[in-house]
Amino acid sequence: MSEDKDKAGSRFDSSTLVDRDRDGVQEISQSFNQCEPTCAEGEYVTTFYRWNGKDYVAD
């Protein structure tokens, strides 16, 4: 597998699809733990991505 395909395949690991605006269009919800200062004390951050016709971009 090429490096580009591997990066693209893992771009949205641990993500879910949601209809955040209830408009029938699915957005990607990606959450992760910042692990600062430690993972046990870290804060979870959620970013939503929408399709702009060419790529998924953060809202």
PDB file of N, CA and C in Angstrom:
ATOM      1  N   MET A   1       0.849  -1.184   0.000  1.00  0.00           N
ATOM      2  CA  MET A   1       0.000   0.000   0.000  1.00  0.00           C
ATOM      3  C   MET A   1       0.889   1.239   0.000  1.00  0.00           C
ATOM      4  N   SER A   2       0.537   2.191  -0.811  1.00  0.00           N
ATOM      5  CA  SER A   2       1.342   3.407  -0.868  1.00  0.00           C
ATOM      6  C   SER A   2       1.115   4.243   0.377  1.00  0.00           C
ATOM      7  N   GLU A   3       2.065   5.114   0.672  1.00  0.00           N
ATOM      8  CA  GLU A   3       1.969   5.982   1.838  1.00  0.00           C
ATOM      9  C   GLU A   3       0.764   6.913   1.730  1.00  0.00           C
ATOM     10  N   ASP A   4       0.466   7.431   0.536  1.00  0.00           N
ATOM     11  CA  ASP A   4      -0.672   8.327   0.348  1.00  0.00           C
ATOM     12  C   ASP A   4      -1.989   7.626   0.651  1.00  0.00           C
ATOM     13  N   LYS A   5      -2.146   6.389   0.177  1.00  0.00           N
ATOM     14  CA  LYS A   5      -3.370   5.647   0.440  1.00  0.00           C
ATOM     15  C   LYS A   5      -3.512   5.369   1.924  1.00  0.00           C
ATOM     16  N   ASP A   6      -2.400   5.054   2.611  1.00  0.00           N
ATOM     17  CA  ASP A   6      -2.439   4.784   4.038  1.00  0.00           C
ATOM     18  C   ASP A   6      -2.884   6.023   4.807  1.00  0.00           C
ATOM     19  N   LYS A   7      -2.359   7.193   4.451  1.00  0.00           N
ATOM     20  CA  LYS A   7      -2.750   8.440   5.124  1.00  0.00           C
ATOM     21  C   LYS A   7      -4.217   8.748   4.879  1.00  0.00           C
ATOM     22  N   ALA A   8      -4.670   8.562   3.671  1.00  0.00           N
ATOM     23  CA  ALA A   8      -6.066   8.854   3.346  1.00  0.00           C
ATOM     24  C   ALA A   8      -6.992   7.896   4.076  1.00  0.00           C
ATOM     25  N   GLY A   9      -6.592   6.647   4.195  1.00  0.00           N
ATOM     26  CA  GLY A   9      -7.419   5.661   4.861  1.00  0.00           C
ATOM     27  C   GLY A   9      -7.551   5.896   6.350  1.00  0.00           C
ATOM     28  N   SER A  10      -6.588   6.518   6.964  1.00  0.00           N
ATOM     29  CA  SER A  10      -6.620   6.737   8.409  1.00  0.00           C
ATOM     30  C   SER A  10      -7.027   8.158   8.787  1.00  0.00           C
ATOM     31  N   ARG A  11      -7.334   8.971   7.829  1.00  0.00           N
ATOM     32  CA  ARG A  11      -7.659  10.374   8.102  1.00  0.00           C
ATOM     33  C   ARG A  11      -8.838  10.530   9.053  1.00  0.00           C
ATOM     34  N   PHE A  12      -9.842   9.689   8.894  1.00  0.00           N
ATOM     35  CA  PHE A  12     -11.031   9.814   9.727  1.00  0.00           C
ATOM     36  C   PHE A  12     -11.282   8.564  10.568  1.00  0.00           C
ATOM     37  N   ASP A  13     -10.208   7.889  10.971  1.00  0.00           N
ATOM     38  CA  ASP A  13     -10.370   6.776  11.904  1.00  0.00           C
ATOM     39  C   ASP A  13     -11.032   7.300  13.176  1.00  0.00           C
ATOM     40  N   SER A  14     -11.801   6.465  13.811  1.00  0.00           N
ATOM     41  CA  SER A  14     -12.499   6.817  15.064  1.00  0.00           C
ATOM     42  C   SER A  14     -13.441   7.992  14.881  1.00  0.00           C
ATOM     43  N   SER A  15     -14.033   8.103  13.715  1.00  0.00           N
ATOM     44  CA  SER A  15     -14.995   9.165  13.423  1.00  0.00           C
ATOM     45  C   SER A  15     -16.371   8.553  13.214  1.00  0.00           C
ATOM     46  N   THR A  16     -17.392   9.393  13.304  1.00  0.00           N
ATOM     47  CA  THR A  16     -18.753   8.944  13.053  1.00  0.00           C
ATOM     48  C   THR A  16     -19.446   9.923  12.118  1.00  0.00           C
ATOM     49  N   LEU A  17     -20.483   9.441  11.444  1.00  0.00           N
ATOM     50  CA  LEU A  17     -21.301  10.313  10.606  1.00  0.00           C
ATOM     51  C   LEU A  17     -22.482  10.817  11.418  1.00  0.00           C
ATOM     52  N   VAL A  18     -22.766  12.097  11.305  1.00  0.00           N
ATOM     53  CA  VAL A  18     -23.899  12.710  11.994  1.00  0.00           C
ATOM     54  C   VAL A  18     -24.566  13.696  11.051  1.00  0.00           C
ATOM     55  N   ASP A  19     -25.855  13.892  11.254  1.00  0.00           N
ATOM     56  CA  ASP A  19     -26.573  14.937  10.512  1.00  0.00           C
ATOM     57  C   ASP A  19     -26.750  16.096  11.488  1.00  0.00           C
ATOM     58  N   ARG A  20     -25.672  16.817  11.686  1.00  0.00           N
ATOM     59  CA  ARG A  20     -25.593  17.878  12.698  1.00  0.00           C
ATOM     60  C   ARG A  20     -26.644  18.967  12.488  1.00  0.00           C
ATOM     61  N   ASP A  21     -26.913  19.335  11.241  1.00  0.00           N
ATOM     62  CA  ASP A  21     -27.850  20.412  10.936  1.00  0.00           C
ATOM     63  C   ASP A  21     -29.272  19.907  10.663  1.00  0.00           C
ATOM     64  N   ARG A  22     -29.438  18.585  10.695  1.00  0.00           N
ATOM     65  CA  ARG A  22     -30.721  17.955  10.376  1.00  0.00           C
ATOM     66  C   ARG A  22     -31.254  18.393   9.016  1.00  0.00           C
ATOM     67  N   ASP A  23     -30.306  18.473   8.063  1.00  0.00           N
ATOM     68  CA  ASP A  23     -30.668  18.883   6.706  1.00  0.00           C
ATOM     69  C   ASP A  23     -30.584  17.729   5.717  1.00  0.00           C
ATOM     70  N   GLY A  24     -30.355  16.511   6.222  1.00  0.00           N
ATOM     71  CA  GLY A  24     -30.251  15.344   5.357  1.00  0.00           C
ATOM     72  C   GLY A  24     -28.855  15.111   4.808  1.00  0.00           C
ATOM     73  N   VAL A  25     -27.907  15.985   5.125  1.00  0.00           N
ATOM     74  CA  VAL A  25     -26.520  15.855   4.665  1.00  0.00           C
ATOM     75  C   VAL A  25     -25.660  15.437   5.856  1.00  0.00           C
ATOM     76  N   GLN A  26     -24.939  14.336   5.677  1.00  0.00           N
ATOM     77  CA  GLN A  26     -24.102  13.824   6.758  1.00  0.00           C
ATOM     78  C   GLN A  26     -22.792  14.603   6.870  1.00  0.00           C
ATOM     79  N   GLU A  27     -22.404  14.896   8.097  1.00  0.00           N
ATOM     80  CA  GLU A  27     -21.103  15.484   8.385  1.00  0.00           C
ATOM     81  C   GLU A  27     -20.283  14.436   9.141  1.00  0.00           C
ATOM     82  N   ILE A  28     -18.977  14.639   9.187  1.00  0.00           N
ATOM     83  CA  ILE A  28     -18.091  13.743   9.927  1.00  0.00           C
ATOM     84  C   ILE A  28     -17.793  14.377  11.275  1.00  0.00           C
ATOM     85  N   SER A  29     -17.965  13.593  12.334  1.00  0.00           N
ATOM     86  CA  SER A  29     -17.634  14.028  13.690  1.00  0.00           C
ATOM     87  C   SER A  29     -16.402  13.244  14.130  1.00  0.00           C
ATOM     88  N   GLN A  30     -15.339  13.958  14.456  1.00  0.00           N
ATOM     89  CA  GLN A  30     -14.087  13.324  14.862  1.00  0.00           C
ATOM     90  C   GLN A  30     -13.718  13.819  16.259  1.00  0.00           C
ATOM     91  N   SER A  31     -13.568  12.897  17.198  1.00  0.00           N
ATOM     92  CA  SER A  31     -13.209  13.247  18.575  1.00  0.00           C
ATOM     93  C   SER A  31     -11.903  12.573  18.952  1.00  0.00           C
ATOM     94  N   PHE A  32     -11.110  13.277  19.745  1.00  0.00           N
ATOM     95  CA  PHE A  32      -9.871  12.675  20.239  1.00  0.00           C
ATOM     96  C   PHE A  32      -9.487  13.306  21.563  1.00  0.00           C
ATOM     97  N   ASN A  33      -8.705  12.573  22.326  1.00  0.00           N
ATOM     98  CA  ASN A  33      -8.216  13.026  23.617  1.00  0.00           C
ATOM     99  C   ASN A  33      -6.874  13.706  23.407  1.00  0.00           C
ATOM    100  N   GLN A  34      -6.738  14.937  23.894  1.00  0.00           N
ATOM    101  CA  GLN A  34      -5.481  15.674  23.725  1.00  0.00           C
ATOM    102  C   GLN A  34      -4.357  15.130  24.600  1.00  0.00           C
ATOM    103  N   CYS A  35      -4.701  14.371  25.638  1.00  0.00           N
ATOM    104  CA  CYS A  35      -3.706  13.751  26.533  1.00  0.00           C
ATOM    105  C   CYS A  35      -2.749  14.770  27.140  1.00  0.00           C
ATOM    106  N   GLU A  36      -3.266  15.907  27.516  1.00  0.00           N
ATOM    107  CA  GLU A  36      -2.455  16.933  28.186  1.00  0.00           C
ATOM    108  C   GLU A  36      -3.077  17.256  29.529  1.00  0.00           C
ATOM    109  N   PRO A  37      -2.425  17.197  30.614  1.00  0.00           N
ATOM    110  CA  PRO A  37      -1.024  16.806  30.790  1.00  0.00           C
ATOM    111  C   PRO A  37      -0.823  15.297  30.670  1.00  0.00           C
ATOM    112  N   THR A  38      -1.871  14.508  30.952  1.00  0.00           N
ATOM    113  CA  THR A  38      -1.812  13.061  30.735  1.00  0.00           C
ATOM    114  C   THR A  38      -3.114  12.661  30.048  1.00  0.00           C
ATOM    115  N   CYS A  39      -3.166  11.452  29.520  1.00  0.00           N
ATOM    116  CA  CYS A  39      -4.399  11.004  28.864  1.00  0.00           C
ATOM    117  C   CYS A  39      -5.549  10.897  29.865  1.00  0.00           C
ATOM    118  N   ALA A  40      -5.252  10.512  31.100  1.00  0.00           N
ATOM    119  CA  ALA A  40      -6.301  10.405  32.116  1.00  0.00           C
ATOM    120  C   ALA A  40      -6.899  11.774  32.442  1.00  0.00           C
ATOM    121  N   GLU A  41      -6.109  12.819  32.342  1.00  0.00           N
ATOM    122  CA  GLU A  41      -6.573  14.169  32.658  1.00  0.00           C
ATOM    123  C   GLU A  41      -6.908  14.990  31.413  1.00  0.00           C
ATOM    124  N   GLY A  42      -6.690  14.401  30.255  1.00  0.00           N
ATOM    125  CA  GLY A  42      -6.862  15.131  29.004  1.00  0.00           C
ATOM    126  C   GLY A  42      -8.296  15.475  28.678  1.00  0.00           C
ATOM    127  N   GLU A  43      -8.445  16.455  27.845  1.00  0.00           N
ATOM    128  CA  GLU A  43      -9.750  16.942  27.395  1.00  0.00           C
ATOM    129  C   GLU A  43     -10.046  16.371  26.010  1.00  0.00           C
ATOM    130  N   TYR A  44     -11.291  15.933  25.813  1.00  0.00           N
ATOM    131  CA  TYR A  44     -11.706  15.468  24.490  1.00  0.00           C
ATOM    132  C   TYR A  44     -12.092  16.663  23.630  1.00  0.00           C
ATOM    133  N   VAL A  45     -11.635  16.646  22.392  1.00  0.00           N
ATOM    134  CA  VAL A  45     -11.927  17.700  21.434  1.00  0.00           C
ATOM    135  C   VAL A  45     -12.699  17.069  20.273  1.00  0.00           C
ATOM    136  N   THR A  46     -13.778  17.718  19.854  1.00  0.00           N
ATOM    137  CA  THR A  46     -14.568  17.234  18.724  1.00  0.00           C
ATOM    138  C   THR A  46     -14.506  18.254  17.604  1.00  0.00           C
ATOM    139  N   THR A  47     -14.235  17.772  16.392  1.00  0.00           N
ATOM    140  CA  THR A  47     -14.224  18.609  15.202  1.00  0.00           C
ATOM    141  C   THR A  47     -15.211  18.031  14.209  1.00  0.00           C
ATOM    142  N   PHE A  48     -16.009  18.885  13.590  1.00  0.00           N
ATOM    143  CA  PHE A  48     -16.947  18.466  12.558  1.00  0.00           C
ATOM    144  C   PHE A  48     -16.399  18.866  11.198  1.00  0.00           C
ATOM    145  N   TYR A  49     -16.562  17.973  10.222  1.00  0.00           N
ATOM    146  CA  TYR A  49     -16.097  18.217   8.861  1.00  0.00           C
ATOM    147  C   TYR A  49     -17.287  18.124   7.914  1.00  0.00           C
ATOM    148  N   ARG A  50     -17.310  19.000   6.925  1.00  0.00           N
ATOM    149  CA  ARG A  50     -18.359  18.968   5.908  1.00  0.00           C
ATOM    150  C   ARG A  50     -17.699  18.926   4.533  1.00  0.00           C
ATOM    151  N   TRP A  51     -18.432  18.393   3.574  1.00  0.00           N
ATOM    152  CA  TRP A  51     -17.952  18.283   2.199  1.00  0.00           C
ATOM    153  C   TRP A  51     -18.147  19.606   1.498  1.00  0.00           C
ATOM    154  N   ASN A  52     -17.093  20.154   0.883  1.00  0.00           N
ATOM    155  CA  ASN A  52     -17.208  21.435   0.176  1.00  0.00           C
ATOM    156  C   ASN A  52     -17.268  21.248  -1.344  1.00  0.00           C
ATOM    157  N   GLY A  53     -17.470  20.008  -1.774  1.00  0.00           N
ATOM    158  CA  GLY A  53     -17.505  19.704  -3.197  1.00  0.00           C
ATOM    159  C   GLY A  53     -16.191  19.162  -3.714  1.00  0.00           C
ATOM    160  N   LYS A  54     -15.136  19.291  -2.918  1.00  0.00           N
ATOM    161  CA  LYS A  54     -13.821  18.828  -3.328  1.00  0.00           C
ATOM    162  C   LYS A  54     -13.126  18.009  -2.235  1.00  0.00           C
ATOM    163  N   ASP A  55     -13.369  18.381  -0.984  1.00  0.00           N
ATOM    164  CA  ASP A  55     -12.720  17.722   0.142  1.00  0.00           C
ATOM    165  C   ASP A  55     -13.531  17.989   1.405  1.00  0.00           C
ATOM    166  N   TYR A  56     -13.244  17.246   2.451  1.00  0.00           N
ATOM    167  CA  TYR A  56     -13.872  17.519   3.743  1.00  0.00           C
ATOM    168  C   TYR A  56     -13.070  18.612   4.451  1.00  0.00           C
ATOM    169  N   VAL A  57     -13.773  19.631   4.927  1.00  0.00           N
ATOM    170  CA  VAL A  57     -13.116  20.745   5.617  1.00  0.00           C
ATOM    171  C   VAL A  57     -13.750  20.911   7.002  1.00  0.00           C
ATOM    172  N   ALA A  58     -12.938  21.362   7.942  1.00  0.00           N
ATOM    173  CA  ALA A  58     -13.423  21.570   9.310  1.00  0.00           C
ATOM    174  C   ALA A  58     -14.401  22.738   9.355  1.00  0.00           C
ATOM    175  N   ASP A  59     -15.471  22.524  10.103  1.00  0.00           N
ATOM    176  CA  ASP A  59     -16.443  23.603  10.339  1.00  0.00           C
ATOM    177  C   ASP A  59     -15.954  24.502  11.447  1.00  0.00           C
TER     178      ASP A  59
END
